[in-house]
Amino acid sequence: MAEHDAVKTYDYKGLACPMPVVRISQEIGKIAVGQVVEVLTTDPGALSDFPAWAKNTGHEIVDTKQTPGLITFFVRRKK
């Protein structure tokens, strides 16, 4: 987490598509532009959902990490 200086971690483990994207859409506005949040999810669909969401909303996926059963996204608010 330190390498991206995430200001907050959102734990969306166990939520099925499209809920992780719906939740981050609701939460991203609560941080300052330029800040990064860490998002934890177990939904394999998030691997395509999050980049598509970022492209559509103008935010940035800084990094994606996968371990067995867990996907971690670092998302930068861009606007």
PDB file of N, CA and C in Angstrom:
ATOM      1  N   MET A   1       0.831  -1.195   0.000  1.00  0.00           N
ATOM      2  CA  MET A   1       0.000   0.000   0.000  1.00  0.00           C
ATOM      3  C   MET A   1       0.869   1.249   0.000  1.00  0.00           C
ATOM      4  N   ALA A   2       1.970   1.244   0.678  1.00  0.00           N
ATOM      5  CA  ALA A   2       2.800   2.440   0.832  1.00  0.00           C
ATOM      6  C   ALA A   2       3.300   2.984  -0.500  1.00  0.00           C
ATOM      7  N   GLU A   3       3.563   2.084  -1.457  1.00  0.00           N
ATOM      8  CA  GLU A   3       4.127   2.562  -2.719  1.00  0.00           C
ATOM      9  C   GLU A   3       3.155   3.454  -3.489  1.00  0.00           C
ATOM     10  N   HIS A   4       1.874   3.367  -3.165  1.00  0.00           N
ATOM     11  CA  HIS A   4       0.886   4.201  -3.847  1.00  0.00           C
ATOM     12  C   HIS A   4       0.302   5.268  -2.930  1.00  0.00           C
ATOM     13  N   ASP A   5       0.693   5.255  -1.667  1.00  0.00           N
ATOM     14  CA  ASP A   5       0.188   6.231  -0.709  1.00  0.00           C
ATOM     15  C   ASP A   5      -1.339   6.319  -0.709  1.00  0.00           C
ATOM     16  N   ALA A   6      -1.980   5.166  -0.640  1.00  0.00           N
ATOM     17  CA  ALA A   6      -3.446   5.140  -0.605  1.00  0.00           C
ATOM     18  C   ALA A   6      -3.931   5.828   0.668  1.00  0.00           C
ATOM     19  N   VAL A   7      -4.911   6.726   0.499  1.00  0.00           N
ATOM     20  CA  VAL A   7      -5.444   7.455   1.643  1.00  0.00           C
ATOM     21  C   VAL A   7      -6.551   6.680   2.344  1.00  0.00           C
ATOM     22  N   LYS A   8      -7.094   5.673   1.655  1.00  0.00           N
ATOM     23  CA  LYS A   8      -8.191   4.899   2.224  1.00  0.00           C
ATOM     24  C   LYS A   8      -8.221   3.533   1.551  1.00  0.00           C
ATOM     25  N   THR A   9      -8.713   2.535   2.273  1.00  0.00           N
ATOM     26  CA  THR A   9      -8.904   1.205   1.710  1.00  0.00           C
ATOM     27  C   THR A   9     -10.386   0.877   1.762  1.00  0.00           C
ATOM     28  N   TYR A  10     -10.913   0.443   0.622  1.00  0.00           N
ATOM     29  CA  TYR A  10     -12.308   0.002   0.545  1.00  0.00           C
ATOM     30  C   TYR A  10     -12.313  -1.505   0.378  1.00  0.00           C
ATOM     31  N   ASP A  11     -12.994  -2.188   1.283  1.00  0.00           N
ATOM     32  CA  ASP A  11     -13.041  -3.652   1.272  1.00  0.00           C
ATOM     33  C   ASP A  11     -14.360  -4.096   0.657  1.00  0.00           C
ATOM     34  N   TYR A  12     -14.298  -4.512  -0.603  1.00  0.00           N
ATOM     35  CA  TYR A  12     -15.487  -4.969  -1.318  1.00  0.00           C
ATOM     36  C   TYR A  12     -15.454  -6.478  -1.534  1.00  0.00           C
ATOM     37  N   LYS A  13     -14.689  -7.184  -0.705  1.00  0.00           N
ATOM     38  CA  LYS A  13     -14.601  -8.637  -0.834  1.00  0.00           C
ATOM     39  C   LYS A  13     -15.985  -9.258  -0.630  1.00  0.00           C
ATOM     40  N   GLY A  14     -16.317 -10.209  -1.491  1.00  0.00           N
ATOM     41  CA  GLY A  14     -17.597 -10.902  -1.369  1.00  0.00           C
ATOM     42  C   GLY A  14     -18.728 -10.244  -2.144  1.00  0.00           C
ATOM     43  N   LEU A  15     -18.515  -9.038  -2.636  1.00  0.00           N
ATOM     44  CA  LEU A  15     -19.551  -8.366  -3.419  1.00  0.00           C
ATOM     45  C   LEU A  15     -19.447  -8.807  -4.877  1.00  0.00           C
ATOM     46  N   ALA A  16     -20.594  -9.130  -5.469  1.00  0.00           N
ATOM     47  CA  ALA A  16     -20.606  -9.566  -6.863  1.00  0.00           C
ATOM     48  C   ALA A  16     -20.779  -8.367  -7.792  1.00  0.00           C
ATOM     49  N   CYS A  17     -20.341  -8.534  -9.006  1.00  0.00           N
ATOM     50  CA  CYS A  17     -20.499  -7.549 -10.060  1.00  0.00           C
ATOM     51  C   CYS A  17     -21.977  -7.160 -10.147  1.00  0.00           C
ATOM     52  N   PRO A  18     -22.332  -5.907 -10.286  1.00  0.00           N
ATOM     53  CA  PRO A  18     -21.461  -4.742 -10.476  1.00  0.00           C
ATOM     54  C   PRO A  18     -21.206  -3.961  -9.193  1.00  0.00           C
ATOM     55  N   MET A  19     -21.468  -4.550  -8.033  1.00  0.00           N
ATOM     56  CA  MET A  19     -21.430  -3.781  -6.792  1.00  0.00           C
ATOM     57  C   MET A  19     -20.079  -3.122  -6.483  1.00  0.00           C
ATOM     58  N   PRO A  20     -18.923  -3.782  -6.716  1.00  0.00           N
ATOM     59  CA  PRO A  20     -17.668  -3.074  -6.420  1.00  0.00           C
ATOM     60  C   PRO A  20     -17.526  -1.760  -7.197  1.00  0.00           C
ATOM     61  N   VAL A  21     -17.931  -1.759  -8.478  1.00  0.00           N
ATOM     62  CA  VAL A  21     -17.847  -0.538  -9.280  1.00  0.00           C
ATOM     63  C   VAL A  21     -18.881   0.487  -8.814  1.00  0.00           C
ATOM     64  N   VAL A  22     -20.071   0.024  -8.458  1.00  0.00           N
ATOM     65  CA  VAL A  22     -21.105   0.931  -7.950  1.00  0.00           C
ATOM     66  C   VAL A  22     -20.598   1.608  -6.674  1.00  0.00           C
ATOM     67  N   ARG A  23     -19.987   0.819  -5.792  1.00  0.00           N
ATOM     68  CA  ARG A  23     -19.491   1.368  -4.527  1.00  0.00           C
ATOM     69  C   ARG A  23     -18.359   2.370  -4.730  1.00  0.00           C
ATOM     70  N   ILE A  24     -17.389   2.049  -5.592  1.00  0.00           N
ATOM     71  CA  ILE A  24     -16.278   2.979  -5.799  1.00  0.00           C
ATOM     72  C   ILE A  24     -16.785   4.255  -6.450  1.00  0.00           C
ATOM     73  N   SER A  25     -17.790   4.142  -7.295  1.00  0.00           N
ATOM     74  CA  SER A  25     -18.386   5.338  -7.908  1.00  0.00           C
ATOM     75  C   SER A  25     -18.954   6.260  -6.837  1.00  0.00           C
ATOM     76  N   GLN A  26     -19.538   5.676  -5.797  1.00  0.00           N
ATOM     77  CA  GLN A  26     -20.122   6.461  -4.710  1.00  0.00           C
ATOM     78  C   GLN A  26     -19.051   7.052  -3.797  1.00  0.00           C
ATOM     79  N   GLU A  27     -17.915   6.374  -3.666  1.00  0.00           N
ATOM     80  CA  GLU A  27     -16.894   6.766  -2.696  1.00  0.00           C
ATOM     81  C   GLU A  27     -15.798   7.674  -3.261  1.00  0.00           C
ATOM     82  N   ILE A  28     -15.522   7.590  -4.570  1.00  0.00           N
ATOM     83  CA  ILE A  28     -14.362   8.286  -5.129  1.00  0.00           C
ATOM     84  C   ILE A  28     -14.463   9.797  -4.931  1.00  0.00           C
ATOM     85  N   GLY A  29     -15.663  10.330  -4.900  1.00  0.00           N
ATOM     86  CA  GLY A  29     -15.848  11.766  -4.712  1.00  0.00           C
ATOM     87  C   GLY A  29     -15.529  12.260  -3.313  1.00  0.00           C
ATOM     88  N   LYS A  30     -15.302  11.336  -2.385  1.00  0.00           N
ATOM     89  CA  LYS A  30     -15.031  11.722  -0.992  1.00  0.00           C
ATOM     90  C   LYS A  30     -13.550  11.971  -0.726  1.00  0.00           C
ATOM     91  N   ILE A  31     -12.705  11.716  -1.734  1.00  0.00           N
ATOM     92  CA  ILE A  31     -11.276  11.995  -1.562  1.00  0.00           C
ATOM     93  C   ILE A  31     -10.894  13.150  -2.483  1.00  0.00           C
ATOM     94  N   ALA A  32      -9.752  13.734  -2.234  1.00  0.00           N
ATOM     95  CA  ALA A  32      -9.296  14.859  -3.047  1.00  0.00           C
ATOM     96  C   ALA A  32      -8.785  14.385  -4.398  1.00  0.00           C
ATOM     97  N   VAL A  33      -8.914  15.259  -5.399  1.00  0.00           N
ATOM     98  CA  VAL A  33      -8.363  14.963  -6.720  1.00  0.00           C
ATOM     99  C   VAL A  33      -6.866  14.700  -6.569  1.00  0.00           C
ATOM    100  N   GLY A  34      -6.388  13.630  -7.196  1.00  0.00           N
ATOM    101  CA  GLY A  34      -4.982  13.263  -7.117  1.00  0.00           C
ATOM    102  C   GLY A  34      -4.675  12.219  -6.056  1.00  0.00           C
ATOM    103  N   GLN A  35      -5.600  12.028  -5.107  1.00  0.00           N
ATOM    104  CA  GLN A  35      -5.374  11.017  -4.077  1.00  0.00           C
ATOM    105  C   GLN A  35      -5.688   9.630  -4.623  1.00  0.00           C
ATOM    106  N   VAL A  36      -5.130   8.624  -3.949  1.00  0.00           N
ATOM    107  CA  VAL A  36      -5.282   7.231  -4.374  1.00  0.00           C
ATOM    108  C   VAL A  36      -5.994   6.440  -3.277  1.00  0.00           C
ATOM    109  N   VAL A  37      -6.918   5.577  -3.696  1.00  0.00           N
ATOM    110  CA  VAL A  37      -7.545   4.644  -2.762  1.00  0.00           C
ATOM    111  C   VAL A  37      -7.195   3.225  -3.178  1.00  0.00           C
ATOM    112  N   GLU A  38      -7.195   2.351  -2.202  1.00  0.00           N
ATOM    113  CA  GLU A  38      -6.968   0.932  -2.423  1.00  0.00           C
ATOM    114  C   GLU A  38      -8.329   0.236  -2.368  1.00  0.00           C
ATOM    115  N   VAL A  39      -8.605  -0.596  -3.357  1.00  0.00           N
ATOM    116  CA  VAL A  39      -9.880  -1.318  -3.416  1.00  0.00           C
ATOM    117  C   VAL A  39      -9.591  -2.812  -3.412  1.00  0.00           C
ATOM    118  N   LEU A  40     -10.194  -3.526  -2.459  1.00  0.00           N
ATOM    119  CA  LEU A  40     -10.035  -4.977  -2.357  1.00  0.00           C
ATOM    120  C   LEU A  40     -11.310  -5.636  -2.842  1.00  0.00           C
ATOM    121  N   THR A  41     -11.181  -6.579  -3.765  1.00  0.00           N
ATOM    122  CA  THR A  41     -12.361  -7.288  -4.274  1.00  0.00           C
ATOM    123  C   THR A  41     -12.015  -8.749  -4.559  1.00  0.00           C
ATOM    124  N   THR A  42     -13.038  -9.581  -4.503  1.00  0.00           N
ATOM    125  CA  THR A  42     -12.869 -10.993  -4.833  1.00  0.00           C
ATOM    126  C   THR A  42     -13.581 -11.322  -6.142  1.00  0.00           C
ATOM    127  N   ASP A  43     -14.195 -10.313  -6.772  1.00  0.00           N
ATOM    128  CA  ASP A  43     -14.984 -10.523  -7.983  1.00  0.00           C
ATOM    129  C   ASP A  43     -14.097 -10.526  -9.225  1.00  0.00           C
ATOM    130  N   PRO A  44     -13.949 -11.687  -9.904  1.00  0.00           N
ATOM    131  CA  PRO A  44     -13.111 -11.734 -11.107  1.00  0.00           C
ATOM    132  C   PRO A  44     -13.566 -10.757 -12.186  1.00  0.00           C
ATOM    133  N   GLY A  45     -14.856 -10.449 -12.215  1.00  0.00           N
ATOM    134  CA  GLY A  45     -15.382  -9.500 -13.193  1.00  0.00           C
ATOM    135  C   GLY A  45     -14.803  -8.106 -13.026  1.00  0.00           C
ATOM    136  N   ALA A  46     -14.291  -7.824 -11.830  1.00  0.00           N
ATOM    137  CA  ALA A  46     -13.713  -6.503 -11.568  1.00  0.00           C
ATOM    138  C   ALA A  46     -12.497  -6.232 -12.447  1.00  0.00           C
ATOM    139  N   LEU A  47     -11.823  -7.293 -12.905  1.00  0.00           N
ATOM    140  CA  LEU A  47     -10.643  -7.115 -13.753  1.00  0.00           C
ATOM    141  C   LEU A  47     -10.975  -6.404 -15.057  1.00  0.00           C
ATOM    142  N   SER A  48     -12.192  -6.580 -15.544  1.00  0.00           N
ATOM    143  CA  SER A  48     -12.619  -5.835 -16.726  1.00  0.00           C
ATOM    144  C   SER A  48     -13.486  -4.637 -16.340  1.00  0.00           C
ATOM    145  N   ASP A  49     -14.259  -4.768 -15.254  1.00  0.00           N
ATOM    146  CA  ASP A  49     -15.156  -3.687 -14.838  1.00  0.00           C
ATOM    147  C   ASP A  49     -14.406  -2.425 -14.405  1.00  0.00           C
ATOM    148  N   PHE A  50     -13.356  -2.582 -13.606  1.00  0.00           N
ATOM    149  CA  PHE A  50     -12.662  -1.397 -13.073  1.00  0.00           C
ATOM    150  C   PHE A  50     -11.960  -0.582 -14.154  1.00  0.00           C
ATOM    151  N   PRO A  51     -11.200  -1.211 -15.065  1.00  0.00           N
ATOM    152  CA  PRO A  51     -10.600  -0.407 -16.145  1.00  0.00           C
ATOM    153  C   PRO A  51     -11.653   0.285 -17.012  1.00  0.00           C
ATOM    154  N   ALA A  52     -12.763  -0.395 -17.286  1.00  0.00           N
ATOM    155  CA  ALA A  52     -13.838   0.214 -18.080  1.00  0.00           C
ATOM    156  C   ALA A  52     -14.443   1.397 -17.330  1.00  0.00           C
ATOM    157  N   TRP A  53     -14.695   1.217 -16.031  1.00  0.00           N
ATOM    158  CA  TRP A  53     -15.227   2.297 -15.204  1.00  0.00           C
ATOM    159  C   TRP A  53     -14.269   3.484 -15.190  1.00  0.00           C
ATOM    160  N   ALA A  54     -12.976   3.214 -15.005  1.00  0.00           N
ATOM    161  CA  ALA A  54     -11.981   4.290 -14.958  1.00  0.00           C
ATOM    162  C   ALA A  54     -11.962   5.058 -16.282  1.00  0.00           C
ATOM    163  N   LYS A  55     -12.014   4.333 -17.382  1.00  0.00           N
ATOM    164  CA  LYS A  55     -12.012   4.978 -18.699  1.00  0.00           C
ATOM    165  C   LYS A  55     -13.252   5.854 -18.871  1.00  0.00           C
ATOM    166  N   ASN A  56     -14.392   5.339 -18.454  1.00  0.00           N
ATOM    167  CA  ASN A  56     -15.655   6.071 -18.608  1.00  0.00           C
ATOM    168  C   ASN A  56     -15.767   7.277 -17.686  1.00  0.00           C
ATOM    169  N   THR A  57     -15.134   7.219 -16.523  1.00  0.00           N
ATOM    170  CA  THR A  57     -15.281   8.287 -15.536  1.00  0.00           C
ATOM    171  C   THR A  57     -14.081   9.226 -15.492  1.00  0.00           C
ATOM    172  N   GLY A  58     -13.001   8.863 -16.188  1.00  0.00           N
ATOM    173  CA  GLY A  58     -11.835   9.733 -16.218  1.00  0.00           C
ATOM    174  C   GLY A  58     -10.889   9.557 -15.049  1.00  0.00           C
ATOM    175  N   HIS A  59     -11.045   8.490 -14.278  1.00  0.00           N
ATOM    176  CA  HIS A  59     -10.129   8.218 -13.184  1.00  0.00           C
ATOM    177  C   HIS A  59      -9.034   7.269 -13.686  1.00  0.00           C
ATOM    178  N   GLU A  60      -8.061   6.971 -12.830  1.00  0.00           N
ATOM    179  CA  GLU A  60      -6.904   6.192 -13.265  1.00  0.00           C
ATOM    180  C   GLU A  60      -6.686   4.978 -12.370  1.00  0.00           C
ATOM    181  N   ILE A  61      -6.523   3.813 -12.989  1.00  0.00           N
ATOM    182  CA  ILE A  61      -6.096   2.618 -12.259  1.00  0.00           C
ATOM    183  C   ILE A  61      -4.570   2.685 -12.229  1.00  0.00           C
ATOM    184  N   VAL A  62      -4.011   2.984 -11.065  1.00  0.00           N
ATOM    185  CA  VAL A  62      -2.571   3.149 -10.927  1.00  0.00           C
ATOM    186  C   VAL A  62      -1.868   1.794 -10.949  1.00  0.00           C
ATOM    187  N   ASP A  63      -2.506   0.808 -10.321  1.00  0.00           N
ATOM    188  CA  ASP A  63      -1.900  -0.513 -10.234  1.00  0.00           C
ATOM    189  C   ASP A  63      -2.987  -1.537  -9.950  1.00  0.00           C
ATOM    190  N   THR A  64      -2.745  -2.754 -10.377  1.00  0.00           N
ATOM    191  CA  THR A  64      -3.632  -3.882 -10.089  1.00  0.00           C
ATOM    192  C   THR A  64      -2.764  -5.029  -9.607  1.00  0.00           C
ATOM    193  N   LYS A  65      -3.135  -5.617  -8.477  1.00  0.00           N
ATOM    194  CA  LYS A  65      -2.388  -6.757  -7.945  1.00  0.00           C
ATOM    195  C   LYS A  65      -3.348  -7.917  -7.752  1.00  0.00           C
ATOM    196  N   GLN A  66      -2.898  -9.100  -8.131  1.00  0.00           N
ATOM    197  CA  GLN A  66      -3.713 -10.297  -7.953  1.00  0.00           C
ATOM    198  C   GLN A  66      -2.973 -11.319  -7.108  1.00  0.00           C
ATOM    199  N   THR A  67      -3.668 -11.827  -6.119  1.00  0.00           N
ATOM    200  CA  THR A  67      -3.204 -12.973  -5.356  1.00  0.00           C
ATOM    201  C   THR A  67      -4.364 -13.959  -5.381  1.00  0.00           C
ATOM    202  N   PRO A  68      -4.143 -15.212  -5.075  1.00  0.00           N
ATOM    203  CA  PRO A  68      -5.250 -16.174  -5.133  1.00  0.00           C
ATOM    204  C   PRO A  68      -6.447 -15.708  -4.300  1.00  0.00           C
ATOM    205  N   GLY A  69      -7.581 -15.508  -4.969  1.00  0.00           N
ATOM    206  CA  GLY A  69      -8.807 -15.130  -4.274  1.00  0.00           C
ATOM    207  C   GLY A  69      -8.944 -13.651  -3.957  1.00  0.00           C
ATOM    208  N   LEU A  70      -7.984 -12.831  -4.367  1.00  0.00           N
ATOM    209  CA  LEU A  70      -8.067 -11.405  -4.052  1.00  0.00           C
ATOM    210  C   LEU A  70      -7.487 -10.565  -5.186  1.00  0.00           C
ATOM    211  N   ILE A  71      -8.213  -9.508  -5.525  1.00  0.00           N
ATOM    212  CA  ILE A  71      -7.742  -8.537  -6.521  1.00  0.00           C
ATOM    213  C   ILE A  71      -7.684  -7.188  -5.816  1.00  0.00           C
ATOM    214  N   THR A  72      -6.566  -6.503  -5.964  1.00  0.00           N
ATOM    215  CA  THR A  72      -6.394  -5.186  -5.357  1.00  0.00           C
ATOM    216  C   THR A  72      -6.157  -4.157  -6.447  1.00  0.00           C
ATOM    217  N   PHE A  73      -6.975  -3.112  -6.430  1.00  0.00           N
ATOM    218  CA  PHE A  73      -6.805  -2.002  -7.365  1.00  0.00           C
ATOM    219  C   PHE A  73      -6.369  -0.767  -6.586  1.00  0.00           C
ATOM    220  N   PHE A  74      -5.486   0.011  -7.189  1.00  0.00           N
ATOM    221  CA  PHE A  74      -5.152   1.329  -6.659  1.00  0.00           C
ATOM    222  C   PHE A  74      -5.696   2.333  -7.655  1.00  0.00           C
ATOM    223  N   VAL A  75      -6.634   3.153  -7.200  1.00  0.00           N
ATOM    224  CA  VAL A  75      -7.357   4.061  -8.081  1.00  0.00           C
ATOM    225  C   VAL A  75      -7.070   5.510  -7.694  1.00  0.00           C
ATOM    226  N   ARG A  76      -6.643   6.288  -8.682  1.00  0.00           N
ATOM    227  CA  ARG A  76      -6.375   7.718  -8.462  1.00  0.00           C
ATOM    228  C   ARG A  76      -7.562   8.535  -8.961  1.00  0.00           C
ATOM    229  N   ARG A  77      -8.058   9.418  -8.096  1.00  0.00           N
ATOM    230  CA  ARG A  77      -9.117  10.334  -8.519  1.00  0.00           C
ATOM    231  C   ARG A  77      -8.490  11.396  -9.410  1.00  0.00           C
ATOM    232  N   LYS A  78      -9.022  11.556 -10.610  1.00  0.00           N
ATOM    233  CA  LYS A  78      -8.431  12.473 -11.589  1.00  0.00           C
ATOM    234  C   LYS A  78      -9.229  13.757 -11.771  1.00  0.00           C
ATOM    235  N   LYS A  79     -10.487  13.770 -11.306  1.00  0.00           N
ATOM    236  CA  LYS A  79     -11.280  14.997 -11.491  1.00  0.00           C
ATOM    237  C   LYS A  79     -12.306  15.151 -10.403  1.00  0.00           C
TER     238      LYS A  79
END
